[in-house]
C-alpha atoms as a PDB file:
ATOM      1  CA  MET A   1      82.406 136.244-126.972  1.00  0.00           C
ATOM      2  CA  ASP A   2      85.616 136.743-125.075  1.00  0.00           C
ATOM      3  CA  THR A   3      86.792 134.381-122.342  1.00  0.00           C
ATOM      4  CA  SER A   4      86.189 136.724-119.384  1.00  0.00           C
ATOM      5  CA  THR A   5      82.501 137.105-120.306  1.00  0.00           C
ATOM      6  CA  LEU A   6      82.254 133.367-120.691  1.00  0.00           C
ATOM      7  CA  LEU A   7      83.841 132.737-117.278  1.00  0.00           C
ATOM      8  CA  GLU A   8      81.558 135.276-115.595  1.00  0.00           C
ATOM      9  CA  ALA A   9      78.494 133.647-117.167  1.00  0.00           C
ATOM     10  CA  TRP A  10      79.745 130.229-116.033  1.00  0.00           C
ATOM     11  CA  GLY A  11      80.215 131.461-112.501  1.00  0.00           C
ATOM     12  CA  GLU A  12      76.794 133.068-112.255  1.00  0.00           C
ATOM     13  CA  LEU A  13      74.659 130.663-114.239  1.00  0.00           C
ATOM     14  CA  GLY A  14      76.432 127.370-114.029  1.00  0.00           C
ATOM     15  CA  ALA A  15      76.780 124.791-116.740  1.00  0.00           C
ATOM     16  CA  ILE A  16      73.087 124.460-117.497  1.00  0.00           C
ATOM     17  CA  GLY A  17      72.663 128.242-117.757  1.00  0.00           C
ATOM     18  CA  CYS A  18      75.607 128.536-120.157  1.00  0.00           C
ATOM     19  CA  ILE A  19      74.257 125.697-122.261  1.00  0.00           C
ATOM     20  CA  ALA A  20      70.864 127.452-122.326  1.00  0.00           C
ATOM     21  CA  LEU A  21      72.584 130.698-123.442  1.00  0.00           C
ATOM     22  CA  PHE A  22      74.462 128.881-126.181  1.00  0.00           C
ATOM     23  CA  LEU A  23      71.249 127.194-127.290  1.00  0.00           C
ATOM     24  CA  GLY A  24      69.467 130.554-127.441  1.00  0.00           C
ATOM     25  CA  PHE A  25      72.409 132.043-129.336  1.00  0.00           C
ATOM     26  CA  MET A  26      72.319 129.169-131.829  1.00  0.00           C
ATOM     27  CA  ILE A  27      68.567 129.507-132.323  1.00  0.00           C
ATOM     28  CA  THR A  28      68.810 133.254-133.007  1.00  0.00           C
ATOM     29  CA  ASN A  29      71.630 132.641-135.503  1.00  0.00           C
ATOM     30  CA  LEU A  30      69.580 129.936-137.229  1.00  0.00           C
ATOM     31  CA  ILE A  31      66.597 132.279-137.457  1.00  0.00           C
ATOM     32  CA  LYS A  32      68.759 135.022-138.984  1.00  0.00           C
ATOM     33  CA  SER A  33      70.355 132.679-141.501  1.00  0.00           C
ATOM     34  CA  GLN A  34      66.934 131.252-142.387  1.00  0.00           C
ATOM     35  CA  ALA A  35      65.667 134.784-143.109  1.00  0.00           C
ATOM     36  CA  VAL A  36      68.657 135.422-145.387  1.00  0.00           C
ATOM     37  CA  GLN A  37      68.067 132.110-147.164  1.00  0.00           C
ATOM     38  CA  ASN A  38      64.382 132.954-147.649  1.00  0.00           C
ATOM     39  CA  GLU A  39      65.328 136.284-149.227  1.00  0.00           C
ATOM     40  CA  SER A  40      67.779 134.503-151.521  1.00  0.00           C
ATOM     41  CA  LEU A  41      65.178 131.922-152.502  1.00  0.00           C
ATOM     42  CA  ASP A  42      62.632 134.659-153.246  1.00  0.00           C
ATOM     43  CA  LYS A  43      65.173 136.431-155.442  1.00  0.00           C
ATOM     44  CA  ILE A  44      65.992 133.183-157.233  1.00  0.00           C
ATOM     45  CA  ALA A  45      62.277 132.537-157.841  1.00  0.00           C
ATOM     46  CA  VAL A  46      61.834 136.007-159.338  1.00  0.00           C
ATOM     47  CA  ASP A  47      64.922 135.580-161.524  1.00  0.00           C
ATOM     48  CA  GLN A  48      63.722 132.178-162.673  1.00  0.00           C
ATOM     49  CA  ALA A  49      60.308 133.593-163.624  1.00  0.00           C
ATOM     50  CA  LYS A  50      62.032 136.300-165.674  1.00  0.00           C
ATOM     51  CA  ALA A  51      64.260 133.714-167.354  1.00  0.00           C
ATOM     52  CA  GLU A  52      61.254 131.538-168.203  1.00  0.00           C
ATOM     53  CA  GLU A  53      59.446 134.516-169.717  1.00  0.00           C
ATOM     54  CA  THR A  54      62.513 135.459-171.753  1.00  0.00           C
ATOM     55  CA  THR A  55      62.919 131.872-172.932  1.00  0.00           C
ATOM     56  CA  SER A  56      59.283 131.756-173.957  1.00  0.00           C
ATOM     57  CA  ASN A  57      59.645 135.017-175.900  1.00  0.00           C
ATOM     58  CA  VAL A  58      62.794 133.807-177.661  1.00  0.00           C
ATOM     59  CA  GLU A  59      61.090 130.535-178.539  1.00  0.00           C
ATOM     60  CA  SER A  60      58.138 132.399-180.017  1.00  0.00           C
ATOM     61  CA  ILE A  61      60.415 134.660-182.059  1.00  0.00           C
ATOM     62  CA  LEU A  62      62.410 131.692-183.367  1.00  0.00           C
ATOM     63  CA  LEU A  63      59.270 129.822-184.387  1.00  0.00           C
ATOM     64  CA  LYS A  64      58.009 132.876-186.278  1.00  0.00           C
ATOM     65  CA  LEU A  65      61.404 133.249-187.961  1.00  0.00           C
ATOM     66  CA  LEU A  66      61.429 129.586-188.987  1.00  0.00           C
ATOM     67  CA  MET A  67      57.916 129.862-190.404  1.00  0.00           C
ATOM     68  CA  ARG A  68      58.940 132.939-192.364  1.00  0.00           C
ATOM     69  CA  LEU A  69      62.056 131.197-193.706  1.00  0.00           C
ATOM     70  CA  ASP A  70      59.956 128.201-194.676  1.00  0.00           C
ATOM     71  CA  LYS A  71      57.577 130.428-196.636  1.00  0.00           C
ATOM     72  CA  SER A  72      60.470 132.176-198.380  1.00  0.00           C
ATOM     73  CA  ASP A  73      61.976 128.750-199.197  1.00  0.00           C
ATOM     74  CA  ASP A  74      58.696 127.733-200.801  1.00  0.00           C
ATOM     75  CA  LYS A  75      58.672 130.911-202.894  1.00  0.00           C
ATOM     76  CA  LEU A  76      62.290 130.329-203.903  1.00  0.00           C
ATOM     77  CA  ASP A  77      61.521 126.723-204.866  1.00  0.00           C
ATOM     78  CA  ARG A  78      58.664 127.887-207.090  1.00  0.00           C
ATOM     79  CA  LYS A  79      60.922 130.478-208.737  1.00  0.00           C
ATOM     80  CA  ILE A  80      63.615 127.876-209.348  1.00  0.00           C
ATOM     81  CA  ASP A  81      61.061 125.476-210.874  1.00  0.00           C
ATOM     82  CA  THR A  82      59.845 128.234-213.172  1.00  0.00           C
ATOM     83  CA  LEU A  83      63.423 129.048-214.199  1.00  0.00           C
ATOM     84  CA  ARG A  84      64.126 125.363-214.909  1.00  0.00           C
ATOM     85  CA  GLN A  85      61.029 125.122-217.086  1.00  0.00           C
ATOM     86  CA  ASP A  86      62.038 128.275-218.967  1.00  0.00           C
ATOM     87  CA  LEU A  87      65.588 126.969-219.382  1.00  0.00           C
ATOM     88  CA  SER A  88      64.247 123.650-220.658  1.00  0.00           C
ATOM     89  CA  ARG A  89      62.091 125.467-223.234  1.00  0.00           C
ATOM     90  CA  ILE A  90      65.052 127.605-224.306  1.00  0.00           C
ATOM     91  CA  ASP A  91      67.208 124.471-224.604  1.00  0.00           C
ATOM     92  CA  ASN A  92      64.560 122.799-226.773  1.00  0.00           C
ATOM     93  CA  ASP A  93      64.271 125.913-228.950  1.00  0.00           C
ATOM     94  CA  LEU A  94      68.061 126.094-229.280  1.00  0.00           C
ATOM     95  CA  SER A  95      68.183 122.425-230.284  1.00  0.00           C
ATOM     96  CA  GLU A  96      65.583 123.097-232.975  1.00  0.00           C
ATOM     97  CA  VAL A  97      67.587 126.091-234.250  1.00  0.00           C
ATOM     98  CA  LYS A  98      70.797 124.018-234.306  1.00  0.00           C
ATOM     99  CA  GLY A  99      69.001 121.259-236.174  1.00  0.00           C
ATOM    100  CA  SER A 100      67.604 123.735-238.688  1.00  0.00           C
ATOM    101  CA  ILE A 101      71.025 125.365-239.154  1.00  0.00           C
ATOM    102  CA  SER A 102      72.737 121.982-239.630  1.00  0.00           C
ATOM    103  CA  ARG A 103      70.213 121.027-242.326  1.00  0.00           C
ATOM    104  CA  ILE A 104      70.640 124.345-244.077  1.00  0.00           C
ATOM    105  CA  SER A 105      74.434 124.605-243.995  1.00  0.00           C
ATOM    106  CA  PRO A 106      76.376 121.907-245.754  1.00  0.00           C
ATOM    107  CA  GLY A 107      79.218 121.569-243.342  1.00  0.00           C
END
């Protein structure tokens, strides 16, 4: 508002009229800003719902991956145990062969 419009309104309406105009102007601005805030809040709510869904999907994928890794670890542990048993048997057999060779050879 420029000053000439303000002075004209003051002259025609008086102080109470100008205050009423300012009050109406403030109310309309508040209503407009409230509408903008409501739109922003709606957008935030939609974005949050999408983020929650994405988080849930990622969590599900990670749990499946961890379960799969756990299963593969179990398989690997069984393979390692089998290899240790085989190595132990080979070591025992080698010890027997060394013992037999040492008894056979004189030195």
